[in-house]
Amino acid sequence: MKKYLIFAISFILLFLLFQILSGLFLTIAYTPDIEEAWNMSADAPQKVVIKGSRSPFLITLFIAFLSASIAYFIPKKR
């Protein structure tokens, strides 16, 4: 059980680290096209609609943790 806890905690920390680093890289590499955004804003609706209240990050983290747990226990079955 101790090995599983170490595995789970290290997996979550590495997952969060990779999420943050990929977000930083995508933010740095992004070059906005101001002219295209201005042209598209004329057709944009005047009201903002927010859909959903759940965080997709938590769902992604849960699925990744579940996958890692399954991957950890599969070799133990043999």
PDB file of N, CA and C in Angstrom:
ATOM      1  N   MET A   1       0.817  -1.191   0.000  1.00  0.00           N
ATOM      2  CA  MET A   1       0.000   0.000   0.000  1.00  0.00           C
ATOM      3  C   MET A   1       0.863   1.258   0.000  1.00  0.00           C
ATOM      4  N   LYS A   2       2.010   1.182   0.662  1.00  0.00           N
ATOM      5  CA  LYS A   2       2.902   2.342   0.717  1.00  0.00           C
ATOM      6  C   LYS A   2       3.432   2.674  -0.674  1.00  0.00           C
ATOM      7  N   LYS A   3       3.779   1.632  -1.452  1.00  0.00           N
ATOM      8  CA  LYS A   3       4.274   1.869  -2.804  1.00  0.00           C
ATOM      9  C   LYS A   3       3.200   2.508  -3.671  1.00  0.00           C
ATOM     10  N   TYR A   4       1.952   2.089  -3.484  1.00  0.00           N
ATOM     11  CA  TYR A   4       0.859   2.670  -4.263  1.00  0.00           C
ATOM     12  C   TYR A   4       0.665   4.139  -3.917  1.00  0.00           C
ATOM     13  N   LEU A   5       0.713   4.484  -2.641  1.00  0.00           N
ATOM     14  CA  LEU A   5       0.551   5.888  -2.245  1.00  0.00           C
ATOM     15  C   LEU A   5       1.673   6.756  -2.814  1.00  0.00           C
ATOM     16  N   ILE A   6       2.896   6.253  -2.757  1.00  0.00           N
ATOM     17  CA  ILE A   6       4.024   7.002  -3.337  1.00  0.00           C
ATOM     18  C   ILE A   6       3.824   7.165  -4.837  1.00  0.00           C
ATOM     19  N   PHE A   7       3.397   6.087  -5.495  1.00  0.00           N
ATOM     20  CA  PHE A   7       3.128   6.146  -6.930  1.00  0.00           C
ATOM     21  C   PHE A   7       2.029   7.152  -7.251  1.00  0.00           C
ATOM     22  N   ALA A   8       0.930   7.111  -6.509  1.00  0.00           N
ATOM     23  CA  ALA A   8      -0.203   7.998  -6.778  1.00  0.00           C
ATOM     24  C   ALA A   8       0.167   9.462  -6.548  1.00  0.00           C
ATOM     25  N   ILE A   9       0.840   9.745  -5.459  1.00  0.00           N
ATOM     26  CA  ILE A   9       1.221  11.131  -5.164  1.00  0.00           C
ATOM     27  C   ILE A   9       2.221  11.652  -6.185  1.00  0.00           C
ATOM     28  N   SER A  10       3.213  10.839  -6.545  1.00  0.00           N
ATOM     29  CA  SER A  10       4.186  11.288  -7.547  1.00  0.00           C
ATOM     30  C   SER A  10       3.526  11.451  -8.910  1.00  0.00           C
ATOM     31  N   PHE A  11       2.559  10.579  -9.238  1.00  0.00           N
ATOM     32  CA  PHE A  11       1.855  10.725 -10.511  1.00  0.00           C
ATOM     33  C   PHE A  11       1.081  12.029 -10.558  1.00  0.00           C
ATOM     34  N   ILE A  12       0.344  12.336  -9.498  1.00  0.00           N
ATOM     35  CA  ILE A  12      -0.438  13.567  -9.469  1.00  0.00           C
ATOM     36  C   ILE A  12       0.473  14.792  -9.562  1.00  0.00           C
ATOM     37  N   LEU A  13       1.587  14.783  -8.841  1.00  0.00           N
ATOM     38  CA  LEU A  13       2.508  15.920  -8.890  1.00  0.00           C
ATOM     39  C   LEU A  13       3.118  16.086 -10.280  1.00  0.00           C
ATOM     40  N   LEU A  14       3.523  14.979 -10.901  1.00  0.00           N
ATOM     41  CA  LEU A  14       4.071  15.067 -12.252  1.00  0.00           C
ATOM     42  C   LEU A  14       3.014  15.507 -13.257  1.00  0.00           C
ATOM     43  N   PHE A  15       1.798  15.020 -13.101  1.00  0.00           N
ATOM     44  CA  PHE A  15       0.707  15.420 -13.983  1.00  0.00           C
ATOM     45  C   PHE A  15       0.469  16.924 -13.881  1.00  0.00           C
ATOM     46  N   LEU A  16       0.398  17.445 -12.666  1.00  0.00           N
ATOM     47  CA  LEU A  16       0.195  18.881 -12.476  1.00  0.00           C
ATOM     48  C   LEU A  16       1.363  19.690 -13.040  1.00  0.00           C
ATOM     49  N   LEU A  17       2.585  19.194 -12.841  1.00  0.00           N
ATOM     50  CA  LEU A  17       3.752  19.886 -13.367  1.00  0.00           C
ATOM     51  C   LEU A  17       3.711  19.952 -14.893  1.00  0.00           C
ATOM     52  N   PHE A  18       3.385  18.833 -15.539  1.00  0.00           N
ATOM     53  CA  PHE A  18       3.308  18.828 -17.003  1.00  0.00           C
ATOM     54  C   PHE A  18       2.166  19.708 -17.512  1.00  0.00           C
ATOM     55  N   GLN A  19       1.057  19.761 -16.799  1.00  0.00           N
ATOM     56  CA  GLN A  19      -0.045  20.635 -17.191  1.00  0.00           C
ATOM     57  C   GLN A  19       0.382  22.107 -17.126  1.00  0.00           C
ATOM     58  N   ILE A  20       1.065  22.464 -16.065  1.00  0.00           N
ATOM     59  CA  ILE A  20       1.520  23.853 -15.907  1.00  0.00           C
ATOM     60  C   ILE A  20       2.560  24.205 -16.962  1.00  0.00           C
ATOM     61  N   LEU A  21       3.524  23.304 -17.184  1.00  0.00           N
ATOM     62  CA  LEU A  21       4.565  23.580 -18.177  1.00  0.00           C
ATOM     63  C   LEU A  21       4.003  23.662 -19.593  1.00  0.00           C
ATOM     64  N   SER A  22       3.060  22.792 -19.921  1.00  0.00           N
ATOM     65  CA  SER A  22       2.472  22.867 -21.266  1.00  0.00           C
ATOM     66  C   SER A  22       1.654  24.149 -21.415  1.00  0.00           C
ATOM     67  N   GLY A  23       0.962  24.563 -20.366  1.00  0.00           N
ATOM     68  CA  GLY A  23       0.224  25.825 -20.422  1.00  0.00           C
ATOM     69  C   GLY A  23       1.149  27.021 -20.586  1.00  0.00           C
ATOM     70  N   LEU A  24       2.279  27.009 -19.882  1.00  0.00           N
ATOM     71  CA  LEU A  24       3.258  28.092 -20.035  1.00  0.00           C
ATOM     72  C   LEU A  24       3.824  28.124 -21.451  1.00  0.00           C
ATOM     73  N   PHE A  25       4.163  26.937 -21.974  1.00  0.00           N
ATOM     74  CA  PHE A  25       4.713  26.881 -23.332  1.00  0.00           C
ATOM     75  C   PHE A  25       3.698  27.375 -24.359  1.00  0.00           C
ATOM     76  N   LEU A  26       2.448  26.941 -24.242  1.00  0.00           N
ATOM     77  CA  LEU A  26       1.431  27.379 -25.199  1.00  0.00           C
ATOM     78  C   LEU A  26       1.172  28.873 -25.093  1.00  0.00           C
ATOM     79  N   THR A  27       1.239  29.411 -23.879  1.00  0.00           N
ATOM     80  CA  THR A  27       1.050  30.851 -23.703  1.00  0.00           C
ATOM     81  C   THR A  27       2.192  31.635 -24.327  1.00  0.00           C
ATOM     82  N   ILE A  28       3.406  31.159 -24.145  1.00  0.00           N
ATOM     83  CA  ILE A  28       4.568  31.845 -24.710  1.00  0.00           C
ATOM     84  C   ILE A  28       4.571  31.752 -26.237  1.00  0.00           C
ATOM     85  N   ALA A  29       4.177  30.598 -26.770  1.00  0.00           N
ATOM     86  CA  ALA A  29       4.239  30.371 -28.220  1.00  0.00           C
ATOM     87  C   ALA A  29       3.066  30.998 -28.973  1.00  0.00           C
ATOM     88  N   TYR A  30       2.022  31.429 -28.270  1.00  0.00           N
ATOM     89  CA  TYR A  30       0.825  31.968 -28.926  1.00  0.00           C
ATOM     90  C   TYR A  30       1.078  33.365 -29.460  1.00  0.00           C
ATOM     91  N   THR A  31       0.697  33.570 -30.710  1.00  0.00           N
ATOM     92  CA  THR A  31       0.785  34.891 -31.320  1.00  0.00           C
ATOM     93  C   THR A  31      -0.614  35.285 -31.772  1.00  0.00           C
ATOM     94  N   PRO A  32      -1.228  36.265 -31.112  1.00  0.00           N
ATOM     95  CA  PRO A  32      -2.601  36.627 -31.476  1.00  0.00           C
ATOM     96  C   PRO A  32      -2.653  37.379 -32.807  1.00  0.00           C
ATOM     97  N   ASP A  33      -3.742  37.166 -33.528  1.00  0.00           N
ATOM     98  CA  ASP A  33      -3.990  37.881 -34.781  1.00  0.00           C
ATOM     99  C   ASP A  33      -5.051  38.938 -34.488  1.00  0.00           C
ATOM    100  N   ILE A  34      -4.601  40.153 -34.216  1.00  0.00           N
ATOM    101  CA  ILE A  34      -5.492  41.230 -33.779  1.00  0.00           C
ATOM    102  C   ILE A  34      -6.494  41.587 -34.868  1.00  0.00           C
ATOM    103  N   GLU A  35      -6.047  41.640 -36.109  1.00  0.00           N
ATOM    104  CA  GLU A  35      -6.938  42.030 -37.206  1.00  0.00           C
ATOM    105  C   GLU A  35      -8.070  41.015 -37.386  1.00  0.00           C
ATOM    106  N   GLU A  36      -7.749  39.740 -37.337  1.00  0.00           N
ATOM    107  CA  GLU A  36      -8.769  38.701 -37.479  1.00  0.00           C
ATOM    108  C   GLU A  36      -9.747  38.731 -36.310  1.00  0.00           C
ATOM    109  N   ALA A  37      -9.248  38.958 -35.109  1.00  0.00           N
ATOM    110  CA  ALA A  37     -10.119  39.047 -33.936  1.00  0.00           C
ATOM    111  C   ALA A  37     -11.065  40.241 -34.060  1.00  0.00           C
ATOM    112  N   TRP A  38     -10.570  41.336 -34.561  1.00  0.00           N
ATOM    113  CA  TRP A  38     -11.410  42.529 -34.736  1.00  0.00           C
ATOM    114  C   TRP A  38     -12.506  42.262 -35.758  1.00  0.00           C
ATOM    115  N   ASN A  39     -12.151  41.597 -36.852  1.00  0.00           N
ATOM    116  CA  ASN A  39     -13.147  41.286 -37.881  1.00  0.00           C
ATOM    117  C   ASN A  39     -14.200  40.297 -37.366  1.00  0.00           C
ATOM    118  N   MET A  40     -13.810  39.359 -36.551  1.00  0.00           N
ATOM    119  CA  MET A  40     -14.748  38.374 -36.020  1.00  0.00           C
ATOM    120  C   MET A  40     -15.640  38.962 -34.925  1.00  0.00           C
ATOM    121  N   SER A  41     -15.204  40.040 -34.292  1.00  0.00           N
ATOM    122  CA  SER A  41     -15.976  40.604 -33.184  1.00  0.00           C
ATOM    123  C   SER A  41     -17.265  41.270 -33.661  1.00  0.00           C
ATOM    124  N   ALA A  42     -17.334  41.642 -34.917  1.00  0.00           N
ATOM    125  CA  ALA A  42     -18.553  42.270 -35.430  1.00  0.00           C
ATOM    126  C   ALA A  42     -19.712  41.278 -35.448  1.00  0.00           C
ATOM    127  N   ASP A  43     -19.424  39.994 -35.642  1.00  0.00           N
ATOM    128  CA  ASP A  43     -20.469  38.975 -35.704  1.00  0.00           C
ATOM    129  C   ASP A  43     -20.721  38.305 -34.353  1.00  0.00           C
ATOM    130  N   ALA A  44     -20.003  38.712 -33.330  1.00  0.00           N
ATOM    131  CA  ALA A  44     -20.131  38.075 -32.014  1.00  0.00           C
ATOM    132  C   ALA A  44     -21.450  38.473 -31.358  1.00  0.00           C
ATOM    133  N   PRO A  45     -22.065  37.546 -30.616  1.00  0.00           N
ATOM    134  CA  PRO A  45     -23.304  37.895 -29.910  1.00  0.00           C
ATOM    135  C   PRO A  45     -23.029  38.905 -28.794  1.00  0.00           C
ATOM    136  N   GLN A  46     -24.043  39.667 -28.448  1.00  0.00           N
ATOM    137  CA  GLN A  46     -23.880  40.710 -27.436  1.00  0.00           C
ATOM    138  C   GLN A  46     -24.000  40.173 -26.013  1.00  0.00           C
ATOM    139  N   LYS A  47     -24.564  38.964 -25.858  1.00  0.00           N
ATOM    140  CA  LYS A  47     -24.713  38.373 -24.531  1.00  0.00           C
ATOM    141  C   LYS A  47     -23.720  37.236 -24.362  1.00  0.00           C
ATOM    142  N   VAL A  48     -23.231  37.088 -23.139  1.00  0.00           N
ATOM    143  CA  VAL A  48     -22.303  36.018 -22.812  1.00  0.00           C
ATOM    144  C   VAL A  48     -23.076  34.902 -22.114  1.00  0.00           C
ATOM    145  N   VAL A  49     -22.898  33.670 -22.598  1.00  0.00           N
ATOM    146  CA  VAL A  49     -23.556  32.516 -21.998  1.00  0.00           C
ATOM    147  C   VAL A  49     -22.471  31.603 -21.444  1.00  0.00           C
ATOM    148  N   ILE A  50     -22.567  31.330 -20.145  1.00  0.00           N
ATOM    149  CA  ILE A  50     -21.599  30.437 -19.497  1.00  0.00           C
ATOM    150  C   ILE A  50     -22.277  29.090 -19.304  1.00  0.00           C
ATOM    151  N   LYS A  51     -21.672  28.054 -19.867  1.00  0.00           N
ATOM    152  CA  LYS A  51     -22.251  26.712 -19.780  1.00  0.00           C
ATOM    153  C   LYS A  51     -21.457  25.869 -18.808  1.00  0.00           C
ATOM    154  N   GLY A  52     -22.149  25.097 -18.010  1.00  0.00           N
ATOM    155  CA  GLY A  52     -21.505  24.152 -17.107  1.00  0.00           C
ATOM    156  C   GLY A  52     -20.882  24.827 -15.905  1.00  0.00           C
ATOM    157  N   SER A  53     -20.867  24.096 -14.821  1.00  0.00           N
ATOM    158  CA  SER A  53     -20.271  24.640 -13.613  1.00  0.00           C
ATOM    159  C   SER A  53     -19.116  23.770 -13.120  1.00  0.00           C
ATOM    160  N   ARG A  54     -18.928  22.599 -13.730  1.00  0.00           N
ATOM    161  CA  ARG A  54     -17.850  21.707 -13.300  1.00  0.00           C
ATOM    162  C   ARG A  54     -16.549  22.069 -13.993  1.00  0.00           C
ATOM    163  N   SER A  55     -15.478  21.837 -13.293  1.00  0.00           N
ATOM    164  CA  SER A  55     -14.167  22.122 -13.848  1.00  0.00           C
ATOM    165  C   SER A  55     -13.694  20.944 -14.702  1.00  0.00           C
ATOM    166  N   PRO A  56     -13.401  21.157 -15.978  1.00  0.00           N
ATOM    167  CA  PRO A  56     -12.919  20.053 -16.807  1.00  0.00           C
ATOM    168  C   PRO A  56     -11.540  19.563 -16.350  1.00  0.00           C
ATOM    169  N   PHE A  57     -10.788  20.401 -15.664  1.00  0.00           N
ATOM    170  CA  PHE A  57      -9.480  19.978 -15.183  1.00  0.00           C
ATOM    171  C   PHE A  57      -9.610  18.877 -14.137  1.00  0.00           C
ATOM    172  N   LEU A  58     -10.585  18.994 -13.249  1.00  0.00           N
ATOM    173  CA  LEU A  58     -10.765  17.974 -12.217  1.00  0.00           C
ATOM    174  C   LEU A  58     -11.188  16.638 -12.831  1.00  0.00           C
ATOM    175  N   ILE A  59     -12.021  16.693 -13.851  1.00  0.00           N
ATOM    176  CA  ILE A  59     -12.425  15.469 -14.540  1.00  0.00           C
ATOM    177  C   ILE A  59     -11.215  14.841 -15.224  1.00  0.00           C
ATOM    178  N   THR A  60     -10.401  15.657 -15.866  1.00  0.00           N
ATOM    179  CA  THR A  60      -9.193  15.159 -16.526  1.00  0.00           C
ATOM    180  C   THR A  60      -8.238  14.552 -15.506  1.00  0.00           C
ATOM    181  N   LEU A  61      -8.063  15.213 -14.380  1.00  0.00           N
ATOM    182  CA  LEU A  61      -7.184  14.695 -13.332  1.00  0.00           C
ATOM    183  C   LEU A  61      -7.707  13.369 -12.785  1.00  0.00           C
ATOM    184  N   PHE A  62      -9.018  13.274 -12.602  1.00  0.00           N
ATOM    185  CA  PHE A  62      -9.609  12.025 -12.094  1.00  0.00           C
ATOM    186  C   PHE A  62      -9.407  10.878 -13.082  1.00  0.00           C
ATOM    187  N   ILE A  63      -9.639  11.127 -14.360  1.00  0.00           N
ATOM    188  CA  ILE A  63      -9.464  10.085 -15.377  1.00  0.00           C
ATOM    189  C   ILE A  63      -8.001   9.672 -15.472  1.00  0.00           C
ATOM    190  N   ALA A  64      -7.090  10.630 -15.409  1.00  0.00           N
ATOM    191  CA  ALA A  64      -5.663  10.297 -15.451  1.00  0.00           C
ATOM    192  C   ALA A  64      -5.255   9.494 -14.228  1.00  0.00           C
ATOM    193  N   PHE A  65      -5.770   9.855 -13.066  1.00  0.00           N
ATOM    194  CA  PHE A  65      -5.458   9.117 -11.834  1.00  0.00           C
ATOM    195  C   PHE A  65      -6.030   7.705 -11.889  1.00  0.00           C
ATOM    196  N   LEU A  66      -7.239   7.563 -12.404  1.00  0.00           N
ATOM    197  CA  LEU A  66      -7.847   6.249 -12.555  1.00  0.00           C
ATOM    198  C   LEU A  66      -7.045   5.385 -13.522  1.00  0.00           C
ATOM    199  N   SER A  67      -6.607   5.959 -14.624  1.00  0.00           N
ATOM    200  CA  SER A  67      -5.786   5.230 -15.592  1.00  0.00           C
ATOM    201  C   SER A  67      -4.461   4.796 -14.982  1.00  0.00           C
ATOM    202  N   ALA A  68      -3.854   5.677 -14.216  1.00  0.00           N
ATOM    203  CA  ALA A  68      -2.581   5.338 -13.571  1.00  0.00           C
ATOM    204  C   ALA A  68      -2.776   4.236 -12.530  1.00  0.00           C
ATOM    205  N   SER A  69      -3.882   4.280 -11.817  1.00  0.00           N
ATOM    206  CA  SER A  69      -4.156   3.235 -10.828  1.00  0.00           C
ATOM    207  C   SER A  69      -4.345   1.879 -11.504  1.00  0.00           C
ATOM    208  N   ILE A  70      -5.082   1.866 -12.595  1.00  0.00           N
ATOM    209  CA  ILE A  70      -5.282   0.619 -13.339  1.00  0.00           C
ATOM    210  C   ILE A  70      -3.951   0.113 -13.872  1.00  0.00           C
ATOM    211  N   ALA A  71      -3.143   1.030 -14.418  1.00  0.00           N
ATOM    212  CA  ALA A  71      -1.834   0.633 -14.942  1.00  0.00           C
ATOM    213  C   ALA A  71      -0.917   0.123 -13.834  1.00  0.00           C
ATOM    214  N   TYR A  72      -1.073   0.628 -12.635  1.00  0.00           N
ATOM    215  CA  TYR A  72      -0.251   0.175 -11.507  1.00  0.00           C
ATOM    216  C   TYR A  72      -0.644  -1.241 -11.079  1.00  0.00           C
ATOM    217  N   PHE A  73      -1.948  -1.528 -11.067  1.00  0.00           N
ATOM    218  CA  PHE A  73      -2.410  -2.807 -10.548  1.00  0.00           C
ATOM    219  C   PHE A  73      -2.430  -3.938 -11.584  1.00  0.00           C
ATOM    220  N   ILE A  74      -2.387  -3.635 -12.876  1.00  0.00           N
ATOM    221  CA  ILE A  74      -2.402  -4.693 -13.892  1.00  0.00           C
ATOM    222  C   ILE A  74      -1.219  -5.642 -13.759  1.00  0.00           C
ATOM    223  N   PRO A  75       0.021  -5.182 -13.601  1.00  0.00           N
ATOM    224  CA  PRO A  75       1.123  -6.141 -13.437  1.00  0.00           C
ATOM    225  C   PRO A  75       1.028  -6.967 -12.154  1.00  0.00           C
ATOM    226  N   LYS A  76       0.327  -6.477 -11.152  1.00  0.00           N
ATOM    227  CA  LYS A  76       0.198  -7.182  -9.880  1.00  0.00           C
ATOM    228  C   LYS A  76      -0.737  -8.387  -9.995  1.00  0.00           C
ATOM    229  N   LYS A  77      -1.588  -8.420 -11.038  1.00  0.00           N
ATOM    230  CA  LYS A  77      -2.535  -9.522 -11.205  1.00  0.00           C
ATOM    231  C   LYS A  77      -1.845 -10.813 -11.646  1.00  0.00           C
ATOM    232  N   ARG A  78      -0.711 -10.742 -12.286  1.00  0.00           N
ATOM    233  CA  ARG A  78      -0.017 -11.922 -12.812  1.00  0.00           C
ATOM    234  C   ARG A  78       0.736 -12.655 -11.772  1.00  0.00           C
TER     235      ARG A  78
END
